[in-house]
Amino acid sequence: MTASAPGGDPRRFLTGGRLERSPRRWRDKVAVTRYLATMAMPHLLEPVDERALTDRLGDLASDPVGLRRAMVDLGLVARTRDGAEYWRTERTEHDPEPDAVQDAERALGEQR
């Protein structure tokens, strides 16, 4: 994780690990959304169905649907046209350092 995230440490806006109220400042909202996107969807490009994602976000925020929408609006998450499936499209400063071997093995396994 990068030491200095935009807007500072987004965990300061969480109460007991949950976002109860969205921050007022735009850059803080972005920082919190990036953090929670990484927590809810730890693997890039891994598809998650709408119900599962909403359940994951419900554990992290009082407004899981609004958070899901914000993740899509910021381009952190993409979805199918019908909204049935979502996947994270962007690495964030909250992702662990990539393990090239593990990523390659996963990619090769998906091609088989």
PDB file of N, CA and C in Angstrom:
ATOM      1  N   MET A   1       0.844  -1.171   0.000  1.00  0.00           N
ATOM      2  CA  MET A   1       0.000   0.000   0.000  1.00  0.00           C
ATOM      3  C   MET A   1       0.887   1.231   0.000  1.00  0.00           C
ATOM      4  N   THR A   2       0.534   2.199  -0.800  1.00  0.00           N
ATOM      5  CA  THR A   2       1.272   3.447  -0.867  1.00  0.00           C
ATOM      6  C   THR A   2       1.048   4.231   0.411  1.00  0.00           C
ATOM      7  N   ALA A   3       2.097   4.856   0.906  1.00  0.00           N
ATOM      8  CA  ALA A   3       2.011   5.563   2.187  1.00  0.00           C
ATOM      9  C   ALA A   3       1.083   6.767   2.132  1.00  0.00           C
ATOM     10  N   SER A   4       1.054   7.467   1.025  1.00  0.00           N
ATOM     11  CA  SER A   4       0.230   8.671   0.982  1.00  0.00           C
ATOM     12  C   SER A   4      -0.833   8.550  -0.100  1.00  0.00           C
ATOM     13  N   ALA A   5      -2.019   8.197   0.321  1.00  0.00           N
ATOM     14  CA  ALA A   5      -3.151   8.098  -0.589  1.00  0.00           C
ATOM     15  C   ALA A   5      -3.749   9.479  -0.779  1.00  0.00           C
ATOM     16  N   PRO A   6      -4.367   9.750  -1.953  1.00  0.00           N
ATOM     17  CA  PRO A   6      -5.019  11.041  -2.147  1.00  0.00           C
ATOM     18  C   PRO A   6      -6.078  11.256  -1.072  1.00  0.00           C
ATOM     19  N   GLY A   7      -6.057  12.393  -0.424  1.00  0.00           N
ATOM     20  CA  GLY A   7      -7.049  12.685   0.607  1.00  0.00           C
ATOM     21  C   GLY A   7      -6.693  12.096   1.958  1.00  0.00           C
ATOM     22  N   GLY A   8      -5.517  11.493   2.113  1.00  0.00           N
ATOM     23  CA  GLY A   8      -5.124  10.901   3.387  1.00  0.00           C
ATOM     24  C   GLY A   8      -5.681   9.497   3.543  1.00  0.00           C
ATOM     25  N   ASP A   9      -5.590   8.979   4.753  1.00  0.00           N
ATOM     26  CA  ASP A   9      -6.029   7.612   5.040  1.00  0.00           C
ATOM     27  C   ASP A   9      -7.554   7.555   5.086  1.00  0.00           C
ATOM     28  N   PRO A  10      -8.174   6.832   4.147  1.00  0.00           N
ATOM     29  CA  PRO A  10      -9.635   6.798   4.094  1.00  0.00           C
ATOM     30  C   PRO A  10     -10.270   6.072   5.274  1.00  0.00           C
ATOM     31  N   ARG A  11      -9.496   5.266   5.987  1.00  0.00           N
ATOM     32  CA  ARG A  11     -10.058   4.530   7.129  1.00  0.00           C
ATOM     33  C   ARG A  11     -10.521   5.464   8.233  1.00  0.00           C
ATOM     34  N   ARG A  12     -10.049   6.714   8.209  1.00  0.00           N
ATOM     35  CA  ARG A  12     -10.476   7.654   9.255  1.00  0.00           C
ATOM     36  C   ARG A  12     -11.968   7.990   9.132  1.00  0.00           C
ATOM     37  N   PHE A  13     -12.576   7.696   7.984  1.00  0.00           N
ATOM     38  CA  PHE A  13     -14.001   7.971   7.785  1.00  0.00           C
ATOM     39  C   PHE A  13     -14.884   6.776   8.148  1.00  0.00           C
ATOM     40  N   LEU A  14     -14.258   5.665   8.538  1.00  0.00           N
ATOM     41  CA  LEU A  14     -15.007   4.460   8.860  1.00  0.00           C
ATOM     42  C   LEU A  14     -15.232   4.362  10.361  1.00  0.00           C
ATOM     43  N   THR A  15     -16.379   3.817  10.735  1.00  0.00           N
ATOM     44  CA  THR A  15     -16.699   3.576  12.129  1.00  0.00           C
ATOM     45  C   THR A  15     -16.849   2.070  12.287  1.00  0.00           C
ATOM     46  N   GLY A  16     -15.942   1.479  13.055  1.00  0.00           N
ATOM     47  CA  GLY A  16     -15.972   0.033  13.205  1.00  0.00           C
ATOM     48  C   GLY A  16     -15.782  -0.685  11.870  1.00  0.00           C
ATOM     49  N   GLY A  17     -15.013  -0.083  10.979  1.00  0.00           N
ATOM     50  CA  GLY A  17     -14.748  -0.691   9.677  1.00  0.00           C
ATOM     51  C   GLY A  17     -15.818  -0.448   8.634  1.00  0.00           C
ATOM     52  N   ARG A  18     -16.838   0.344   8.966  1.00  0.00           N
ATOM     53  CA  ARG A  18     -17.951   0.620   8.043  1.00  0.00           C
ATOM     54  C   ARG A  18     -18.064   2.110   7.756  1.00  0.00           C
ATOM     55  N   LEU A  19     -18.492   2.409   6.545  1.00  0.00           N
ATOM     56  CA  LEU A  19     -18.780   3.790   6.166  1.00  0.00           C
ATOM     57  C   LEU A  19     -20.238   4.072   6.503  1.00  0.00           C
ATOM     58  N   GLU A  20     -20.454   4.882   7.511  1.00  0.00           N
ATOM     59  CA  GLU A  20     -21.822   5.205   7.926  1.00  0.00           C
ATOM     60  C   GLU A  20     -22.330   6.461   7.231  1.00  0.00           C
ATOM     61  N   ARG A  21     -21.408   7.384   6.927  1.00  0.00           N
ATOM     62  CA  ARG A  21     -21.754   8.643   6.272  1.00  0.00           C
ATOM     63  C   ARG A  21     -20.644   9.011   5.306  1.00  0.00           C
ATOM     64  N   SER A  22     -21.034   9.379   4.109  1.00  0.00           N
ATOM     65  CA  SER A  22     -20.047   9.747   3.101  1.00  0.00           C
ATOM     66  C   SER A  22     -19.366  11.063   3.475  1.00  0.00           C
ATOM     67  N   PRO A  23     -18.058  11.148   3.252  1.00  0.00           N
ATOM     68  CA  PRO A  23     -17.363  12.412   3.525  1.00  0.00           C
ATOM     69  C   PRO A  23     -17.915  13.548   2.660  1.00  0.00           C
ATOM     70  N   ARG A  24     -17.743  14.760   3.100  1.00  0.00           N
ATOM     71  CA  ARG A  24     -18.253  15.921   2.355  1.00  0.00           C
ATOM     72  C   ARG A  24     -17.361  16.312   1.189  1.00  0.00           C
ATOM     73  N   ARG A  25     -16.051  16.306   1.413  1.00  0.00           N
ATOM     74  CA  ARG A  25     -15.126  16.746   0.368  1.00  0.00           C
ATOM     75  C   ARG A  25     -14.988  15.680  -0.715  1.00  0.00           C
ATOM     76  N   TRP A  26     -14.945  16.146  -1.961  1.00  0.00           N
ATOM     77  CA  TRP A  26     -14.873  15.238  -3.115  1.00  0.00           C
ATOM     78  C   TRP A  26     -13.659  14.316  -3.033  1.00  0.00           C
ATOM     79  N   ARG A  27     -12.499  14.864  -2.736  1.00  0.00           N
ATOM     80  CA  ARG A  27     -11.299  14.016  -2.730  1.00  0.00           C
ATOM     81  C   ARG A  27     -11.364  12.967  -1.628  1.00  0.00           C
ATOM     82  N   ASP A  28     -12.031  13.272  -0.523  1.00  0.00           N
ATOM     83  CA  ASP A  28     -12.214  12.274   0.533  1.00  0.00           C
ATOM     84  C   ASP A  28     -13.188  11.187   0.087  1.00  0.00           C
ATOM     85  N   LYS A  29     -14.249  11.578  -0.628  1.00  0.00           N
ATOM     86  CA  LYS A  29     -15.196  10.592  -1.163  1.00  0.00           C
ATOM     87  C   LYS A  29     -14.497   9.645  -2.120  1.00  0.00           C
ATOM     88  N   VAL A  30     -13.650  10.204  -2.980  1.00  0.00           N
ATOM     89  CA  VAL A  30     -12.906   9.388  -3.938  1.00  0.00           C
ATOM     90  C   VAL A  30     -11.976   8.423  -3.205  1.00  0.00           C
ATOM     91  N   ALA A  31     -11.258   8.930  -2.204  1.00  0.00           N
ATOM     92  CA  ALA A  31     -10.320   8.099  -1.445  1.00  0.00           C
ATOM     93  C   ALA A  31     -11.041   6.949  -0.748  1.00  0.00           C
ATOM     94  N   VAL A  32     -12.170   7.235  -0.127  1.00  0.00           N
ATOM     95  CA  VAL A  32     -12.934   6.202   0.569  1.00  0.00           C
ATOM     96  C   VAL A  32     -13.495   5.187  -0.432  1.00  0.00           C
ATOM     97  N   THR A  33     -13.990   5.652  -1.555  1.00  0.00           N
ATOM     98  CA  THR A  33     -14.552   4.746  -2.568  1.00  0.00           C
ATOM     99  C   THR A  33     -13.462   3.836  -3.117  1.00  0.00           C
ATOM    100  N   ARG A  34     -12.275   4.366  -3.380  1.00  0.00           N
ATOM    101  CA  ARG A  34     -11.162   3.546  -3.869  1.00  0.00           C
ATOM    102  C   ARG A  34     -10.789   2.479  -2.844  1.00  0.00           C
ATOM    103  N   TYR A  35     -10.742   2.866  -1.591  1.00  0.00           N
ATOM    104  CA  TYR A  35     -10.401   1.924  -0.518  1.00  0.00           C
ATOM    105  C   TYR A  35     -11.442   0.811  -0.419  1.00  0.00           C
ATOM    106  N   LEU A  36     -12.714   1.202  -0.365  1.00  0.00           N
ATOM    107  CA  LEU A  36     -13.774   0.206  -0.200  1.00  0.00           C
ATOM    108  C   LEU A  36     -13.927  -0.689  -1.433  1.00  0.00           C
ATOM    109  N   ALA A  37     -13.654  -0.151  -2.616  1.00  0.00           N
ATOM    110  CA  ALA A  37     -13.686  -0.982  -3.827  1.00  0.00           C
ATOM    111  C   ALA A  37     -12.643  -2.090  -3.722  1.00  0.00           C
ATOM    112  N   THR A  38     -11.467  -1.746  -3.226  1.00  0.00           N
ATOM    113  CA  THR A  38     -10.403  -2.736  -3.072  1.00  0.00           C
ATOM    114  C   THR A  38     -10.754  -3.763  -2.001  1.00  0.00           C
ATOM    115  N   MET A  39     -11.406  -3.319  -0.936  1.00  0.00           N
ATOM    116  CA  MET A  39     -11.788  -4.242   0.128  1.00  0.00           C
ATOM    117  C   MET A  39     -12.895  -5.203  -0.335  1.00  0.00           C
ATOM    118  N   ALA A  40     -13.861  -4.686  -1.066  1.00  0.00           N
ATOM    119  CA  ALA A  40     -14.996  -5.510  -1.503  1.00  0.00           C
ATOM    120  C   ALA A  40     -14.632  -6.426  -2.668  1.00  0.00           C
ATOM    121  N   MET A  41     -13.712  -5.961  -3.511  1.00  0.00           N
ATOM    122  CA  MET A  41     -13.336  -6.712  -4.707  1.00  0.00           C
ATOM    123  C   MET A  41     -11.808  -6.796  -4.764  1.00  0.00           C
ATOM    124  N   PRO A  42     -11.220  -7.681  -3.975  1.00  0.00           N
ATOM    125  CA  PRO A  42      -9.773  -7.698  -3.856  1.00  0.00           C
ATOM    126  C   PRO A  42      -9.009  -8.128  -5.115  1.00  0.00           C
ATOM    127  N   HIS A  43      -9.679  -8.797  -6.046  1.00  0.00           N
ATOM    128  CA  HIS A  43      -8.988  -9.280  -7.242  1.00  0.00           C
ATOM    129  C   HIS A  43      -9.467  -8.536  -8.486  1.00  0.00           C
ATOM    130  N   LEU A  44      -8.522  -7.964  -9.202  1.00  0.00           N
ATOM    131  CA  LEU A  44      -8.844  -7.282 -10.452  1.00  0.00           C
ATOM    132  C   LEU A  44      -9.482  -8.249 -11.434  1.00  0.00           C
ATOM    133  N   LEU A  45     -10.467  -7.759 -12.146  1.00  0.00           N
ATOM    134  CA  LEU A  45     -11.126  -8.470 -13.244  1.00  0.00           C
ATOM    135  C   LEU A  45     -11.875  -9.726 -12.823  1.00  0.00           C
ATOM    136  N   GLU A  46     -11.968  -9.995 -11.528  1.00  0.00           N
ATOM    137  CA  GLU A  46     -12.731 -11.158 -11.074  1.00  0.00           C
ATOM    138  C   GLU A  46     -14.219 -10.803 -11.091  1.00  0.00           C
ATOM    139  N   PRO A  47     -15.030 -11.527 -11.864  1.00  0.00           N
ATOM    140  CA  PRO A  47     -16.455 -11.199 -11.932  1.00  0.00           C
ATOM    141  C   PRO A  47     -17.178 -11.533 -10.622  1.00  0.00           C
ATOM    142  N   VAL A  48     -18.076 -10.625 -10.243  1.00  0.00           N
ATOM    143  CA  VAL A  48     -18.884 -10.793  -9.037  1.00  0.00           C
ATOM    144  C   VAL A  48     -20.319 -10.464  -9.424  1.00  0.00           C
ATOM    145  N   ASP A  49     -21.267 -11.342  -9.074  1.00  0.00           N
ATOM    146  CA  ASP A  49     -22.644 -11.024  -9.440  1.00  0.00           C
ATOM    147  C   ASP A  49     -23.189  -9.909  -8.552  1.00  0.00           C
ATOM    148  N   GLU A  50     -24.231  -9.271  -9.028  1.00  0.00           N
ATOM    149  CA  GLU A  50     -24.771  -8.076  -8.370  1.00  0.00           C
ATOM    150  C   GLU A  50     -25.133  -8.332  -6.912  1.00  0.00           C
ATOM    151  N   ARG A  51     -25.776  -9.419  -6.630  1.00  0.00           N
ATOM    152  CA  ARG A  51     -26.207  -9.732  -5.251  1.00  0.00           C
ATOM    153  C   ARG A  51     -24.998  -9.901  -4.328  1.00  0.00           C
ATOM    154  N   ALA A  52     -23.999 -10.650  -4.798  1.00  0.00           N
ATOM    155  CA  ALA A  52     -22.810 -10.873  -3.980  1.00  0.00           C
ATOM    156  C   ALA A  52     -22.077  -9.553  -3.713  1.00  0.00           C
ATOM    157  N   LEU A  53     -21.975  -8.711  -4.729  1.00  0.00           N
ATOM    158  CA  LEU A  53     -21.302  -7.426  -4.539  1.00  0.00           C
ATOM    159  C   LEU A  53     -22.080  -6.552  -3.569  1.00  0.00           C
ATOM    160  N   THR A  54     -23.382  -6.497  -3.710  1.00  0.00           N
ATOM    161  CA  THR A  54     -24.201  -5.693  -2.800  1.00  0.00           C
ATOM    162  C   THR A  54     -24.064  -6.205  -1.367  1.00  0.00           C
ATOM    163  N   ASP A  55     -24.016  -7.521  -1.193  1.00  0.00           N
ATOM    164  CA  ASP A  55     -23.827  -8.090   0.147  1.00  0.00           C
ATOM    165  C   ASP A  55     -22.466  -7.698   0.720  1.00  0.00           C
ATOM    166  N   ARG A  56     -21.422  -7.784  -0.105  1.00  0.00           N
ATOM    167  CA  ARG A  56     -20.078  -7.394   0.347  1.00  0.00           C
ATOM    168  C   ARG A  56     -20.055  -5.919   0.745  1.00  0.00           C
ATOM    169  N   LEU A  57     -20.652  -5.082  -0.103  1.00  0.00           N
ATOM    170  CA  LEU A  57     -20.670  -3.648   0.186  1.00  0.00           C
ATOM    171  C   LEU A  57     -21.525  -3.335   1.401  1.00  0.00           C
ATOM    172  N   GLY A  58     -22.575  -4.129   1.624  1.00  0.00           N
ATOM    173  CA  GLY A  58     -23.422  -3.948   2.797  1.00  0.00           C
ATOM    174  C   GLY A  58     -22.667  -4.167   4.092  1.00  0.00           C
ATOM    175  N   ASP A  59     -21.641  -5.019   4.040  1.00  0.00           N
ATOM    176  CA  ASP A  59     -20.786  -5.221   5.210  1.00  0.00           C
ATOM    177  C   ASP A  59     -19.865  -4.028   5.447  1.00  0.00           C
ATOM    178  N   LEU A  60     -19.645  -3.231   4.396  1.00  0.00           N
ATOM    179  CA  LEU A  60     -18.686  -2.132   4.472  1.00  0.00           C
ATOM    180  C   LEU A  60     -19.317  -0.745   4.549  1.00  0.00           C
ATOM    181  N   ALA A  61     -20.598  -0.632   4.187  1.00  0.00           N
ATOM    182  CA  ALA A  61     -21.206   0.701   4.113  1.00  0.00           C
ATOM    183  C   ALA A  61     -22.706   0.633   4.383  1.00  0.00           C
ATOM    184  N   SER A  62     -23.241   1.716   4.918  1.00  0.00           N
ATOM    185  CA  SER A  62     -24.678   1.777   5.202  1.00  0.00           C
ATOM    186  C   SER A  62     -25.505   1.952   3.928  1.00  0.00           C
ATOM    187  N   ASP A  63     -24.881   2.416   2.844  1.00  0.00           N
ATOM    188  CA  ASP A  63     -25.567   2.585   1.556  1.00  0.00           C
ATOM    189  C   ASP A  63     -24.818   1.789   0.477  1.00  0.00           C
ATOM    190  N   PRO A  64     -24.998   0.466   0.455  1.00  0.00           N
ATOM    191  CA  PRO A  64     -24.234  -0.345  -0.493  1.00  0.00           C
ATOM    192  C   PRO A  64     -24.556  -0.049  -1.959  1.00  0.00           C
ATOM    193  N   VAL A  65     -25.787   0.284  -2.260  1.00  0.00           N
ATOM    194  CA  VAL A  65     -26.164   0.572  -3.645  1.00  0.00           C
ATOM    195  C   VAL A  65     -25.526   1.886  -4.101  1.00  0.00           C
ATOM    196  N   GLY A  66     -25.545   2.891  -3.247  1.00  0.00           N
ATOM    197  CA  GLY A  66     -24.901   4.163  -3.573  1.00  0.00           C
ATOM    198  C   GLY A  66     -23.399   3.998  -3.737  1.00  0.00           C
ATOM    199  N   LEU A  67     -22.788   3.164  -2.896  1.00  0.00           N
ATOM    200  CA  LEU A  67     -21.356   2.909  -3.000  1.00  0.00           C
ATOM    201  C   LEU A  67     -21.041   2.173  -4.304  1.00  0.00           C
ATOM    202  N   ARG A  68     -21.866   1.201  -4.658  1.00  0.00           N
ATOM    203  CA  ARG A  68     -21.672   0.467  -5.920  1.00  0.00           C
ATOM    204  C   ARG A  68     -21.755   1.423  -7.104  1.00  0.00           C
ATOM    205  N   ARG A  69     -22.727   2.309  -7.085  1.00  0.00           N
ATOM    206  CA  ARG A  69     -22.889   3.303  -8.149  1.00  0.00           C
ATOM    207  C   ARG A  69     -21.672   4.227  -8.223  1.00  0.00           C
ATOM    208  N   ALA A  70     -21.169   4.667  -7.071  1.00  0.00           N
ATOM    209  CA  ALA A  70     -19.996   5.542  -7.039  1.00  0.00           C
ATOM    210  C   ALA A  70     -18.767   4.833  -7.610  1.00  0.00           C
ATOM    211  N   MET A  71     -18.623   3.546  -7.316  1.00  0.00           N
ATOM    212  CA  MET A  71     -17.489   2.781  -7.846  1.00  0.00           C
ATOM    213  C   MET A  71     -17.548   2.715  -9.370  1.00  0.00           C
ATOM    214  N   VAL A  72     -18.740   2.533  -9.910  1.00  0.00           N
ATOM    215  CA  VAL A  72     -18.912   2.503 -11.371  1.00  0.00           C
ATOM    216  C   VAL A  72     -18.664   3.895 -11.941  1.00  0.00           C
ATOM    217  N   ASP A  73     -19.249   4.920 -11.329  1.00  0.00           N
ATOM    218  CA  ASP A  73     -19.099   6.293 -11.824  1.00  0.00           C
ATOM    219  C   ASP A  73     -17.634   6.744 -11.855  1.00  0.00           C
ATOM    220  N   LEU A  74     -16.837   6.283 -10.889  1.00  0.00           N
ATOM    221  CA  LEU A  74     -15.424   6.653 -10.837  1.00  0.00           C
ATOM    222  C   LEU A  74     -14.552   5.789 -11.754  1.00  0.00           C
ATOM    223  N   GLY A  75     -15.159   4.789 -12.389  1.00  0.00           N
ATOM    224  CA  GLY A  75     -14.407   3.933 -13.296  1.00  0.00           C
ATOM    225  C   GLY A  75     -13.577   2.866 -12.600  1.00  0.00           C
ATOM    226  N   LEU A  76     -13.815   2.660 -11.309  1.00  0.00           N
ATOM    227  CA  LEU A  76     -13.095   1.623 -10.567  1.00  0.00           C
ATOM    228  C   LEU A  76     -13.654   0.248 -10.877  1.00  0.00           C
ATOM    229  N   VAL A  77     -14.922   0.225 -11.217  1.00  0.00           N
ATOM    230  CA  VAL A  77     -15.649  -1.021 -11.444  1.00  0.00           C
ATOM    231  C   VAL A  77     -16.433  -0.885 -12.739  1.00  0.00           C
ATOM    232  N   ALA A  78     -16.449  -1.956 -13.501  1.00  0.00           N
ATOM    233  CA  ALA A  78     -17.272  -2.009 -14.718  1.00  0.00           C
ATOM    234  C   ALA A  78     -18.382  -3.030 -14.483  1.00  0.00           C
ATOM    235  N   ARG A  79     -19.391  -2.967 -15.332  1.00  0.00           N
ATOM    236  CA  ARG A  79     -20.499  -3.908 -15.180  1.00  0.00           C
ATOM    237  C   ARG A  79     -21.030  -4.291 -16.546  1.00  0.00           C
ATOM    238  N   THR A  80     -21.752  -5.400 -16.567  1.00  0.00           N
ATOM    239  CA  THR A  80     -22.408  -5.802 -17.798  1.00  0.00           C
ATOM    240  C   THR A  80     -23.554  -4.834 -18.060  1.00  0.00           C
ATOM    241  N   ARG A  81     -24.009  -4.802 -19.283  1.00  0.00           N
ATOM    242  CA  ARG A  81     -25.086  -3.873 -19.660  1.00  0.00           C
ATOM    243  C   ARG A  81     -26.320  -4.033 -18.769  1.00  0.00           C
ATOM    244  N   ASP A  82     -26.646  -5.270 -18.413  1.00  0.00           N
ATOM    245  CA  ASP A  82     -27.838  -5.508 -17.583  1.00  0.00           C
ATOM    246  C   ASP A  82     -27.560  -5.377 -16.085  1.00  0.00           C
ATOM    247  N   GLY A  83     -26.305  -5.123 -15.701  1.00  0.00           N
ATOM    248  CA  GLY A  83     -25.967  -4.929 -14.295  1.00  0.00           C
ATOM    249  C   GLY A  83     -25.917  -6.212 -13.490  1.00  0.00           C
ATOM    250  N   ALA A  84     -25.893  -7.344 -14.156  1.00  0.00           N
ATOM    251  CA  ALA A  84     -25.905  -8.621 -13.452  1.00  0.00           C
ATOM    252  C   ALA A  84     -24.533  -8.988 -12.890  1.00  0.00           C
ATOM    253  N   GLU A  85     -23.470  -8.447 -13.499  1.00  0.00           N
ATOM    254  CA  GLU A  85     -22.126  -8.819 -13.090  1.00  0.00           C
ATOM    255  C   GLU A  85     -21.221  -7.591 -13.072  1.00  0.00           C
ATOM    256  N   TYR A  86     -20.315  -7.556 -12.096  1.00  0.00           N
ATOM    257  CA  TYR A  86     -19.390  -6.446 -11.900  1.00  0.00           C
ATOM    258  C   TYR A  86     -17.974  -6.992 -11.768  1.00  0.00           C
ATOM    259  N   TRP A  87     -16.989  -6.173 -12.113  1.00  0.00           N
ATOM    260  CA  TRP A  87     -15.590  -6.537 -11.905  1.00  0.00           C
ATOM    261  C   TRP A  87     -14.791  -5.253 -11.720  1.00  0.00           C
ATOM    262  N   ARG A  88     -13.754  -5.341 -10.885  1.00  0.00           N
ATOM    263  CA  ARG A  88     -12.901  -4.173 -10.630  1.00  0.00           C
ATOM    264  C   ARG A  88     -11.896  -4.052 -11.755  1.00  0.00           C
ATOM    265  N   THR A  89     -11.735  -2.837 -12.270  1.00  0.00           N
ATOM    266  CA  THR A  89     -10.914  -2.607 -13.453  1.00  0.00           C
ATOM    267  C   THR A  89      -9.631  -1.842 -13.171  1.00  0.00           C
ATOM    268  N   GLU A  90      -9.483  -1.321 -11.978  1.00  0.00           N
ATOM    269  CA  GLU A  90      -8.341  -0.448 -11.696  1.00  0.00           C
ATOM    270  C   GLU A  90      -7.638  -0.854 -10.413  1.00  0.00           C
ATOM    271  N   ARG A  91      -6.315  -0.964 -10.490  1.00  0.00           N
ATOM    272  CA  ARG A  91      -5.520  -1.169  -9.273  1.00  0.00           C
ATOM    273  C   ARG A  91      -5.564   0.133  -8.479  1.00  0.00           C
ATOM    274  N   THR A  92      -5.542   0.016  -7.187  1.00  0.00           N
ATOM    275  CA  THR A  92      -5.519   1.209  -6.344  1.00  0.00           C
ATOM    276  C   THR A  92      -4.287   1.177  -5.451  1.00  0.00           C
ATOM    277  N   GLU A  93      -4.072   2.263  -4.767  1.00  0.00           N
ATOM    278  CA  GLU A  93      -2.974   2.346  -3.820  1.00  0.00           C
ATOM    279  C   GLU A  93      -3.175   1.414  -2.627  1.00  0.00           C
ATOM    280  N   HIS A  94      -4.346   0.812  -2.512  1.00  0.00           N
ATOM    281  CA  HIS A  94      -4.669  -0.086  -1.399  1.00  0.00           C
ATOM    282  C   HIS A  94      -4.446  -1.553  -1.745  1.00  0.00           C
ATOM    283  N   ASP A  95      -4.118  -1.828  -2.999  1.00  0.00           N
ATOM    284  CA  ASP A  95      -3.812  -3.198  -3.413  1.00  0.00           C
ATOM    285  C   ASP A  95      -2.433  -3.581  -2.891  1.00  0.00           C
ATOM    286  N   PRO A  96      -2.269  -4.850  -2.517  1.00  0.00           N
ATOM    287  CA  PRO A  96      -0.915  -5.296  -2.174  1.00  0.00           C
ATOM    288  C   PRO A  96      -0.047  -5.256  -3.427  1.00  0.00           C
ATOM    289  N   GLU A  97       1.232  -5.280  -3.235  1.00  0.00           N
ATOM    290  CA  GLU A  97       2.135  -5.306  -4.380  1.00  0.00           C
ATOM    291  C   GLU A  97       1.817  -6.536  -5.220  1.00  0.00           C
ATOM    292  N   PRO A  98       1.803  -6.399  -6.527  1.00  0.00           N
ATOM    293  CA  PRO A  98       1.452  -7.537  -7.372  1.00  0.00           C
ATOM    294  C   PRO A  98       2.498  -8.639  -7.296  1.00  0.00           C
ATOM    295  N   ASP A  99       2.025  -9.846  -7.291  1.00  0.00           N
ATOM    296  CA  ASP A  99       2.891 -11.008  -7.339  1.00  0.00           C
ATOM    297  C   ASP A  99       2.826 -11.520  -8.770  1.00  0.00           C
ATOM    298  N   ALA A 100       3.840 -11.230  -9.547  1.00  0.00           N
ATOM    299  CA  ALA A 100       3.834 -11.528 -10.982  1.00  0.00           C
ATOM    300  C   ALA A 100       3.622 -13.009 -11.243  1.00  0.00           C
ATOM    301  N   VAL A 101       4.214 -13.876 -10.451  1.00  0.00           N
ATOM    302  CA  VAL A 101       4.062 -15.318 -10.666  1.00  0.00           C
ATOM    303  C   VAL A 101       2.615 -15.730 -10.429  1.00  0.00           C
ATOM    304  N   GLN A 102       2.024 -15.265  -9.348  1.00  0.00           N
ATOM    305  CA  GLN A 102       0.638 -15.605  -9.036  1.00  0.00           C
ATOM    306  C   GLN A 102      -0.309 -15.073 -10.106  1.00  0.00           C
ATOM    307  N   ASP A 103      -0.086 -13.850 -10.565  1.00  0.00           N
ATOM    308  CA  ASP A 103      -0.924 -13.278 -11.615  1.00  0.00           C
ATOM    309  C   ASP A 103      -0.803 -14.078 -12.906  1.00  0.00           C
ATOM    310  N   ALA A 104       0.404 -14.489 -13.258  1.00  0.00           N
ATOM    311  CA  ALA A 104       0.619 -15.273 -14.479  1.00  0.00           C
ATOM    312  C   ALA A 104      -0.059 -16.634 -14.371  1.00  0.00           C
ATOM    313  N   GLU A 105       0.066 -17.280 -13.226  1.00  0.00           N
ATOM    314  CA  GLU A 105      -0.579 -18.588 -13.039  1.00  0.00           C
ATOM    315  C   GLU A 105      -2.094 -18.470 -13.143  1.00  0.00           C
ATOM    316  N   ARG A 106      -2.654 -17.430 -12.577  1.00  0.00           N
ATOM    317  CA  ARG A 106      -4.101 -17.232 -12.644  1.00  0.00           C
ATOM    318  C   ARG A 106      -4.532 -17.002 -14.094  1.00  0.00           C
ATOM    319  N   ALA A 107      -3.782 -16.183 -14.818  1.00  0.00           N
ATOM    320  CA  ALA A 107      -4.121 -15.902 -16.209  1.00  0.00           C
ATOM    321  C   ALA A 107      -4.020 -17.160 -17.071  1.00  0.00           C
ATOM    322  N   LEU A 108      -2.976 -17.957 -16.841  1.00  0.00           N
ATOM    323  CA  LEU A 108      -2.826 -19.197 -17.614  1.00  0.00           C
ATOM    324  C   LEU A 108      -3.925 -20.191 -17.280  1.00  0.00           C
ATOM    325  N   GLY A 109      -4.308 -20.258 -16.008  1.00  0.00           N
ATOM    326  CA  GLY A 109      -5.383 -21.162 -15.599  1.00  0.00           C
ATOM    327  C   GLY A 109      -6.712 -20.810 -16.214  1.00  0.00           C
ATOM    328  N   GLU A 110      -6.970 -19.515 -16.408  1.00  0.00           N
ATOM    329  CA  GLU A 110      -8.219 -19.070 -17.006  1.00  0.00           C
ATOM    330  C   GLU A 110      -8.273 -19.352 -18.505  1.00  0.00           C
ATOM    331  N   GLN A 111      -7.102 -19.473 -19.145  1.00  0.00           N
ATOM    332  CA  GLN A 111      -7.054 -19.724 -20.586  1.00  0.00           C
ATOM    333  C   GLN A 111      -7.275 -21.187 -20.920  1.00  0.00           C
ATOM    334  N   ARG A 112      -7.120 -22.068 -19.960  1.00  0.00           N
ATOM    335  CA  ARG A 112      -7.242 -23.516 -20.217  1.00  0.00           C
ATOM    336  C   ARG A 112      -8.661 -23.951 -20.309  1.00  0.00           C
TER     337      ARG A 112
END
